[in-house]
């Protein structure tokens, strides 16, 4: 019997691990079972959130 669908935190953890190993966007997409565009848009969204938090801390 297969495991259930991956949760968002599990997927995020796998993506972080893949990034730390130096994998390409396409390799990360293959691991997560999503498109390369999804990987890139999720990274962009995450970086935007980090920028917002940093600006608020510096203000």
C-alpha atoms as a PDB file:
ATOM      1  CA  UNK A   1       0.000   0.000   0.000  1.00  0.00           C
ATOM      2  CA  UNK A   2       1.372   3.444  -0.925  1.00  0.00           C
ATOM      3  CA  UNK A   3       1.709   6.392   1.363  1.00  0.00           C
ATOM      4  CA  UNK A   4      -0.818   9.210   1.306  1.00  0.00           C
ATOM      5  CA  UNK A   5      -0.211  12.516  -0.432  1.00  0.00           C
ATOM      6  CA  UNK A   6       2.771  14.528   0.730  1.00  0.00           C
ATOM      7  CA  UNK A   7       1.961  17.431   3.038  1.00  0.00           C
ATOM      8  CA  UNK A   8       3.180  20.955   2.314  1.00  0.00           C
ATOM      9  CA  UNK A   9       5.772  20.877   5.147  1.00  0.00           C
ATOM     10  CA  UNK A  10       7.111  17.549   3.875  1.00  0.00           C
ATOM     11  CA  UNK A  11       7.384  18.901   0.338  1.00  0.00           C
ATOM     12  CA  UNK A  12       9.076  22.063   1.622  1.00  0.00           C
ATOM     13  CA  UNK A  13      11.571  20.001   3.578  1.00  0.00           C
ATOM     14  CA  UNK A  14      12.403  17.884   0.562  1.00  0.00           C
ATOM     15  CA  UNK A  15      12.789  20.990  -1.597  1.00  0.00           C
ATOM     16  CA  UNK A  16      15.147  22.610   0.938  1.00  0.00           C
ATOM     17  CA  UNK A  17      17.224  19.438   1.086  1.00  0.00           C
ATOM     18  CA  UNK A  18      17.382  19.319  -2.713  1.00  0.00           C
ATOM     19  CA  UNK A  19      18.424  22.971  -2.886  1.00  0.00           C
ATOM     20  CA  UNK A  20      21.160  22.418  -0.320  1.00  0.00           C
ATOM     21  CA  UNK A  21      22.466  19.526  -2.404  1.00  0.00           C
ATOM     22  CA  UNK A  22      22.730  21.883  -5.368  1.00  0.00           C
ATOM     23  CA  UNK A  23      20.026  20.296  -7.499  1.00  0.00           C
ATOM     24  CA  UNK A  24      18.553  22.216 -10.400  1.00  0.00           C
ATOM     25  CA  UNK A  25      14.976  23.468 -10.485  1.00  0.00           C
ATOM     26  CA  UNK A  26      14.127  20.610 -12.852  1.00  0.00           C
ATOM     27  CA  UNK A  27      15.662  18.000 -10.554  1.00  0.00           C
ATOM     28  CA  UNK A  28      13.711  19.413  -7.599  1.00  0.00           C
ATOM     29  CA  UNK A  29      10.531  19.388  -9.705  1.00  0.00           C
ATOM     30  CA  UNK A  30      11.120  15.744 -10.609  1.00  0.00           C
ATOM     31  CA  UNK A  31      11.608  14.808  -6.934  1.00  0.00           C
ATOM     32  CA  UNK A  32       8.447  16.644  -5.869  1.00  0.00           C
ATOM     33  CA  UNK A  33       6.386  15.542  -8.866  1.00  0.00           C
ATOM     34  CA  UNK A  34       5.570  19.088  -9.975  1.00  0.00           C
ATOM     35  CA  UNK A  35       6.511  21.274 -12.930  1.00  0.00           C
ATOM     36  CA  UNK A  36       9.687  23.336 -13.093  1.00  0.00           C
ATOM     37  CA  UNK A  37       7.493  26.454 -13.266  1.00  0.00           C
ATOM     38  CA  UNK A  38       5.865  25.475  -9.958  1.00  0.00           C
ATOM     39  CA  UNK A  39       9.262  25.112  -8.295  1.00  0.00           C
ATOM     40  CA  UNK A  40      10.383  28.509  -9.574  1.00  0.00           C
ATOM     41  CA  UNK A  41       7.160  30.285  -8.565  1.00  0.00           C
ATOM     42  CA  UNK A  42       7.259  28.718  -5.083  1.00  0.00           C
ATOM     43  CA  UNK A  43      10.880  29.853  -4.599  1.00  0.00           C
ATOM     44  CA  UNK A  44       9.970  33.360  -5.770  1.00  0.00           C
ATOM     45  CA  UNK A  45       7.029  33.496  -3.375  1.00  0.00           C
ATOM     46  CA  UNK A  46       9.184  32.254  -0.490  1.00  0.00           C
ATOM     47  CA  UNK A  47      11.910  34.819  -1.202  1.00  0.00           C
ATOM     48  CA  UNK A  48       9.312  37.609  -1.307  1.00  0.00           C
ATOM     49  CA  UNK A  49       8.071  36.561   2.129  1.00  0.00           C
ATOM     50  CA  UNK A  50      11.615  36.588   3.489  1.00  0.00           C
ATOM     51  CA  UNK A  51      12.197  40.068   2.066  1.00  0.00           C
ATOM     52  CA  UNK A  52       8.996  41.361   3.677  1.00  0.00           C
ATOM     53  CA  UNK A  53      10.007  39.940   7.069  1.00  0.00           C
ATOM     54  CA  UNK A  54      13.486  41.441   6.766  1.00  0.00           C
ATOM     55  CA  UNK A  55      12.144  44.898   5.868  1.00  0.00           C
ATOM     56  CA  UNK A  56       9.730  44.815   8.819  1.00  0.00           C
ATOM     57  CA  UNK A  57      12.556  43.885  11.197  1.00  0.00           C
ATOM     58  CA  UNK A  58      14.773  46.689   9.900  1.00  0.00           C
ATOM     59  CA  UNK A  59      12.010  49.313  10.157  1.00  0.00           C
END
